Amino acid sequence: MEKETVFSSQIKYVGVFSLKDYYQFCYDWLTEQISLTLVEKKYGEKLNKDAKDIDIEWTASRKVTDYFKFELEIKYKIIALKNVEIVQNNAKIKTNQGEVKLMLKGNLIRDYDGKFEKDSFRKFLRSIYEKWIIASRVEQFEDNLAGECDEFLNQAKAFLDLEGKK
C-alpha cells in the first residue's frame, strides 16, 4: 500500500454557529454527496472556564477501483466554544459561539489491499504499471480527489459564513 497526500489545506472561522448543525452538515456532505465511509477516530472535550475546547478527528474513505482508494483525514479544532442566545426573526435561538479550525488532507492510496507488496517482482511490476500504463489515470484520480477536498472545504466554509449572518 502506498499513500500519497495530494491535497492539504485548512479553513478558520470565528463567530456564531451551531456546532451540532455544523457537525451534521459536514458528516452528511461527506457521506451523501461524495459517498465516503466515515469513521470518527477521536472526540475530546476540555472545559476551559465557561467555554469548551473540542478536538475531533475523522477518517473518510472510498474505494475508487480495485487498486485506488480516496482517503480524507479531517481534523476539527474548536476553541472557546460557548452557548449563546441570538435573536432571529424576533425569536431567541440557542446556538454557539467560538473558533473553528478545519484541517483537511486528501490521500490517494494505491494498492490498498497490498496485492503488489508480496514480493520484489510484484513491486517491480507495479512500478511499470503505474509509470507506463496508468500514469494519466493516476493524475486524473489525484485531480478528482483534490477537487472533492476543495469542494468540501468550500461547502464547510459557506455553511459557517451563512450561520454567522443569521
C-alpha atoms as a PDB file:
ATOM      1  CA  MET A   1       0.000   0.000   0.000  1.00  0.00           C
ATOM      2  CA  GLU A   2       1.286   3.421  -0.911  1.00  0.00           C
ATOM      3  CA  LYS A   3      -0.279   6.616   0.436  1.00  0.00           C
ATOM      4  CA  GLU A   4       0.313   9.964  -1.261  1.00  0.00           C
ATOM      5  CA  THR A   5      -1.059  13.268   0.040  1.00  0.00           C
ATOM      6  CA  VAL A   6      -2.416  15.195  -2.947  1.00  0.00           C
ATOM      7  CA  PHE A   7      -4.343  17.896  -1.040  1.00  0.00           C
ATOM      8  CA  SER A   8      -3.699  19.708   2.222  1.00  0.00           C
ATOM      9  CA  SER A   9      -5.471  22.846   3.364  1.00  0.00           C
ATOM     10  CA  GLN A  10      -7.480  24.363   6.190  1.00  0.00           C
ATOM     11  CA  ILE A  11     -10.144  26.911   6.950  1.00  0.00           C
ATOM     12  CA  LYS A  12     -10.705  29.002  10.055  1.00  0.00           C
ATOM     13  CA  TYR A  13     -13.851  30.721  11.279  1.00  0.00           C
ATOM     14  CA  VAL A  14     -14.561  32.818  14.343  1.00  0.00           C
ATOM     15  CA  GLY A  15     -18.123  33.747  15.235  1.00  0.00           C
ATOM     16  CA  VAL A  16     -21.620  32.410  15.863  1.00  0.00           C
ATOM     17  CA  PHE A  17     -22.555  28.949  14.607  1.00  0.00           C
ATOM     18  CA  SER A  18     -24.332  25.812  15.770  1.00  0.00           C
ATOM     19  CA  LEU A  19     -21.737  23.088  16.402  1.00  0.00           C
ATOM     20  CA  LYS A  20     -24.439  20.408  16.243  1.00  0.00           C
ATOM     21  CA  ASP A  21     -25.682  21.633  12.836  1.00  0.00           C
ATOM     22  CA  TYR A  22     -22.138  22.112  11.509  1.00  0.00           C
ATOM     23  CA  TYR A  23     -21.090  18.620  12.600  1.00  0.00           C
ATOM     24  CA  GLN A  24     -24.194  17.133  10.948  1.00  0.00           C
ATOM     25  CA  PHE A  25     -23.723  19.189   7.767  1.00  0.00           C
ATOM     26  CA  CYS A  26     -20.101  18.056   7.348  1.00  0.00           C
ATOM     27  CA  TYR A  27     -20.948  14.429   8.108  1.00  0.00           C
ATOM     28  CA  ASP A  28     -23.878  14.395   5.676  1.00  0.00           C
ATOM     29  CA  TRP A  29     -21.941  16.166   2.922  1.00  0.00           C
ATOM     30  CA  LEU A  30     -19.070  13.678   3.072  1.00  0.00           C
ATOM     31  CA  THR A  31     -21.242  10.570   3.287  1.00  0.00           C
ATOM     32  CA  GLU A  32     -24.066  11.606   0.932  1.00  0.00           C
ATOM     33  CA  GLN A  33     -22.504  13.982  -1.618  1.00  0.00           C
ATOM     34  CA  ILE A  34     -19.244  12.129  -2.227  1.00  0.00           C
ATOM     35  CA  SER A  35     -20.153   8.697  -0.807  1.00  0.00           C
ATOM     36  CA  LEU A  36     -17.355   8.334   1.728  1.00  0.00           C
ATOM     37  CA  THR A  37     -17.377   5.877   4.612  1.00  0.00           C
ATOM     38  CA  LEU A  38     -16.599   7.907   7.708  1.00  0.00           C
ATOM     39  CA  VAL A  39     -15.004   6.819  10.985  1.00  0.00           C
ATOM     40  CA  GLU A  40     -14.655   9.111  13.980  1.00  0.00           C
ATOM     41  CA  LYS A  41     -11.208   8.349  15.388  1.00  0.00           C
ATOM     42  CA  LYS A  42     -11.223  10.916  18.172  1.00  0.00           C
ATOM     43  CA  TYR A  43     -13.618  13.156  20.070  1.00  0.00           C
ATOM     44  CA  GLY A  44     -12.231  15.014  23.047  1.00  0.00           C
ATOM     45  CA  GLU A  45     -13.578  17.891  25.129  1.00  0.00           C
ATOM     46  CA  LYS A  46     -11.753  20.073  27.632  1.00  0.00           C
ATOM     47  CA  LEU A  47     -13.521  22.543  29.855  1.00  0.00           C
ATOM     48  CA  ASN A  48     -11.835  25.913  29.903  1.00  0.00           C
ATOM     49  CA  LYS A  49     -13.597  28.190  32.418  1.00  0.00           C
ATOM     50  CA  ASP A  50     -17.026  28.912  30.871  1.00  0.00           C
ATOM     51  CA  ALA A  51     -16.089  27.507  27.435  1.00  0.00           C
ATOM     52  CA  LYS A  52     -15.112  24.198  25.830  1.00  0.00           C
ATOM     53  CA  ASP A  53     -12.237  23.213  23.572  1.00  0.00           C
ATOM     54  CA  ILE A  54     -13.085  20.257  21.339  1.00  0.00           C
ATOM     55  CA  ASP A  55     -10.880  18.072  19.146  1.00  0.00           C
ATOM     56  CA  ILE A  56     -12.495  15.837  16.543  1.00  0.00           C
ATOM     57  CA  GLU A  57     -10.702  13.583  14.062  1.00  0.00           C
ATOM     58  CA  TRP A  58     -12.351  11.735  11.204  1.00  0.00           C
ATOM     59  CA  THR A  59     -11.044   9.412   8.540  1.00  0.00           C
ATOM     60  CA  ALA A  60     -13.248   9.091   5.475  1.00  0.00           C
ATOM     61  CA  SER A  61     -12.551   6.787   2.552  1.00  0.00           C
ATOM     62  CA  ARG A  62     -13.958   5.334  -0.631  1.00  0.00           C
ATOM     63  CA  LYS A  63     -12.660   2.615  -2.935  1.00  0.00           C
ATOM     64  CA  VAL A  64     -12.452   4.072  -6.436  1.00  0.00           C
ATOM     65  CA  THR A  65     -11.165   0.944  -8.222  1.00  0.00           C
ATOM     66  CA  ASP A  66      -9.656  -2.374  -7.141  1.00  0.00           C
ATOM     67  CA  TYR A  67      -6.333  -0.536  -6.962  1.00  0.00           C
ATOM     68  CA  PHE A  68      -7.106   3.055  -5.891  1.00  0.00           C
ATOM     69  CA  LYS A  69      -8.788   4.415  -2.792  1.00  0.00           C
ATOM     70  CA  PHE A  70      -9.523   8.000  -1.705  1.00  0.00           C
ATOM     71  CA  GLU A  71      -8.878   8.853   1.950  1.00  0.00           C
ATOM     72  CA  LEU A  72      -9.596  12.119   3.722  1.00  0.00           C
ATOM     73  CA  GLU A  73      -8.053  12.936   7.089  1.00  0.00           C
ATOM     74  CA  ILE A  74     -10.201  15.593   8.748  1.00  0.00           C
ATOM     75  CA  LYS A  75      -9.376  17.377  11.989  1.00  0.00           C
ATOM     76  CA  TYR A  76     -11.613  19.888  13.730  1.00  0.00           C
ATOM     77  CA  LYS A  77     -10.251  22.107  16.459  1.00  0.00           C
ATOM     78  CA  ILE A  78     -12.995  24.071  18.191  1.00  0.00           C
ATOM     79  CA  ILE A  79     -11.683  26.677  20.617  1.00  0.00           C
ATOM     80  CA  ALA A  80     -13.559  28.630  23.302  1.00  0.00           C
ATOM     81  CA  LEU A  81     -16.986  27.234  22.370  1.00  0.00           C
ATOM     82  CA  LYS A  82     -19.754  28.886  24.377  1.00  0.00           C
ATOM     83  CA  ASN A  83     -23.509  28.594  24.395  1.00  0.00           C
ATOM     84  CA  VAL A  84     -25.140  31.885  23.373  1.00  0.00           C
ATOM     85  CA  GLU A  85     -28.591  33.183  22.546  1.00  0.00           C
ATOM     86  CA  ILE A  86     -29.241  35.220  19.431  1.00  0.00           C
ATOM     87  CA  VAL A  87     -32.389  36.887  18.157  1.00  0.00           C
ATOM     88  CA  GLN A  88     -33.523  35.745  14.734  1.00  0.00           C
ATOM     89  CA  ASN A  89     -36.879  36.717  13.218  1.00  0.00           C
ATOM     90  CA  ASN A  90     -37.940  38.151  16.605  1.00  0.00           C
ATOM     91  CA  ALA A  91     -37.272  34.814  18.320  1.00  0.00           C
ATOM     92  CA  LYS A  92     -34.493  33.832  20.683  1.00  0.00           C
ATOM     93  CA  ILE A  93     -32.398  30.910  19.447  1.00  0.00           C
ATOM     94  CA  LYS A  94     -29.842  28.946  21.430  1.00  0.00           C
ATOM     95  CA  THR A  95     -26.635  28.403  19.461  1.00  0.00           C
ATOM     96  CA  ASN A  96     -22.856  28.500  19.900  1.00  0.00           C
ATOM     97  CA  GLN A  97     -20.020  30.939  19.512  1.00  0.00           C
ATOM     98  CA  GLY A  98     -16.327  30.214  19.157  1.00  0.00           C
ATOM     99  CA  GLU A  99     -13.491  29.478  16.779  1.00  0.00           C
ATOM    100  CA  VAL A 100     -13.426  26.563  14.350  1.00  0.00           C
ATOM    101  CA  LYS A 101     -10.390  25.277  12.508  1.00  0.00           C
ATOM    102  CA  LEU A 102     -10.899  22.538   9.947  1.00  0.00           C
ATOM    103  CA  MET A 103      -7.735  20.872   8.648  1.00  0.00           C
ATOM    104  CA  LEU A 104      -8.032  18.523   5.699  1.00  0.00           C
ATOM    105  CA  LYS A 105      -5.667  16.127   3.969  1.00  0.00           C
ATOM    106  CA  GLY A 106      -6.611  14.177   0.863  1.00  0.00           C
ATOM    107  CA  ASN A 107      -4.632  10.996   0.267  1.00  0.00           C
ATOM    108  CA  LEU A 108      -4.601   8.806  -2.815  1.00  0.00           C
ATOM    109  CA  ILE A 109      -3.924   5.235  -1.722  1.00  0.00           C
ATOM    110  CA  ARG A 110      -2.562   2.827  -4.289  1.00  0.00           C
ATOM    111  CA  ASP A 111      -2.649  -0.956  -3.986  1.00  0.00           C
ATOM    112  CA  TYR A 112      -4.729  -0.668  -0.798  1.00  0.00           C
ATOM    113  CA  ASP A 113      -5.031  -4.453  -0.490  1.00  0.00           C
ATOM    114  CA  GLY A 114      -1.263  -4.927  -0.824  1.00  0.00           C
ATOM    115  CA  LYS A 115      -1.568  -7.254  -3.810  1.00  0.00           C
ATOM    116  CA  PHE A 116       1.711  -5.960  -5.269  1.00  0.00           C
ATOM    117  CA  GLU A 117       3.577  -5.982  -1.942  1.00  0.00           C
ATOM    118  CA  LYS A 118       4.040  -9.742  -1.697  1.00  0.00           C
ATOM    119  CA  ASP A 119       7.499  -9.872  -3.317  1.00  0.00           C
ATOM    120  CA  SER A 120      10.051  -7.728  -5.144  1.00  0.00           C
ATOM    121  CA  PHE A 121       8.972  -8.932  -8.592  1.00  0.00           C
ATOM    122  CA  ARG A 122       5.395  -7.735  -7.976  1.00  0.00           C
ATOM    123  CA  LYS A 123       6.701  -4.387  -6.693  1.00  0.00           C
ATOM    124  CA  PHE A 124       8.684  -4.091  -9.936  1.00  0.00           C
ATOM    125  CA  LEU A 125       5.562  -4.880 -11.980  1.00  0.00           C
ATOM    126  CA  ARG A 126       3.648  -2.266 -10.002  1.00  0.00           C
ATOM    127  CA  SER A 127       6.200   0.441 -10.794  1.00  0.00           C
ATOM    128  CA  ILE A 128       5.964  -0.384 -14.526  1.00  0.00           C
ATOM    129  CA  TYR A 129       2.166  -0.490 -14.315  1.00  0.00           C
ATOM    130  CA  GLU A 130       1.984   2.943 -12.654  1.00  0.00           C
ATOM    131  CA  LYS A 131       4.687   4.629 -14.714  1.00  0.00           C
ATOM    132  CA  TRP A 132       3.803   3.411 -18.196  1.00  0.00           C
ATOM    133  CA  ILE A 133       0.292   2.021 -18.246  1.00  0.00           C
ATOM    134  CA  ILE A 134      -1.837   4.135 -15.893  1.00  0.00           C
ATOM    135  CA  ALA A 135       0.163   7.367 -15.446  1.00  0.00           C
ATOM    136  CA  SER A 136      -2.645   9.534 -16.867  1.00  0.00           C
ATOM    137  CA  ARG A 137      -5.225   7.719 -14.692  1.00  0.00           C
ATOM    138  CA  VAL A 138      -3.161   8.400 -11.580  1.00  0.00           C
ATOM    139  CA  GLU A 139      -3.145  12.092 -12.472  1.00  0.00           C
ATOM    140  CA  GLN A 140      -6.890  12.012 -13.106  1.00  0.00           C
ATOM    141  CA  PHE A 141      -7.559  10.399  -9.709  1.00  0.00           C
ATOM    142  CA  GLU A 142      -5.305  12.954  -7.996  1.00  0.00           C
ATOM    143  CA  ASP A 143      -7.236  15.786  -9.664  1.00  0.00           C
ATOM    144  CA  ASN A 144     -10.600  14.247  -8.745  1.00  0.00           C
ATOM    145  CA  LEU A 145      -9.572  13.792  -5.108  1.00  0.00           C
ATOM    146  CA  ALA A 146      -8.173  17.331  -4.858  1.00  0.00           C
ATOM    147  CA  GLY A 147     -11.400  18.659  -6.402  1.00  0.00           C
ATOM    148  CA  GLU A 148     -13.567  16.794  -3.876  1.00  0.00           C
ATOM    149  CA  CYS A 149     -11.415  18.046  -0.980  1.00  0.00           C
ATOM    150  CA  ASP A 150     -11.555  21.624  -2.226  1.00  0.00           C
ATOM    151  CA  GLU A 151     -15.323  21.450  -2.703  1.00  0.00           C
ATOM    152  CA  PHE A 152     -15.809  20.069   0.819  1.00  0.00           C
ATOM    153  CA  LEU A 153     -13.764  22.931   2.313  1.00  0.00           C
ATOM    154  CA  ASN A 154     -15.759  25.456   0.278  1.00  0.00           C
ATOM    155  CA  GLN A 155     -19.065  23.940   1.432  1.00  0.00           C
ATOM    156  CA  ALA A 156     -17.939  23.837   5.090  1.00  0.00           C
ATOM    157  CA  LYS A 157     -16.798  27.472   4.922  1.00  0.00           C
ATOM    158  CA  ALA A 158     -20.009  28.577   3.170  1.00  0.00           C
ATOM    159  CA  PHE A 159     -22.083  26.863   5.877  1.00  0.00           C
ATOM    160  CA  LEU A 160     -20.235  28.758   8.603  1.00  0.00           C
ATOM    161  CA  ASP A 161     -20.472  32.070   6.727  1.00  0.00           C
ATOM    162  CA  LEU A 162     -24.234  31.624   6.334  1.00  0.00           C
ATOM    163  CA  GLU A 163     -24.610  30.644  10.020  1.00  0.00           C
ATOM    164  CA  GLY A 164     -22.775  33.817  11.045  1.00  0.00           C
ATOM    165  CA  LYS A 165     -25.153  36.016   9.051  1.00  0.00           C
ATOM    166  CA  LYS A 166     -28.319  34.808  10.811  1.00  0.00           C
END
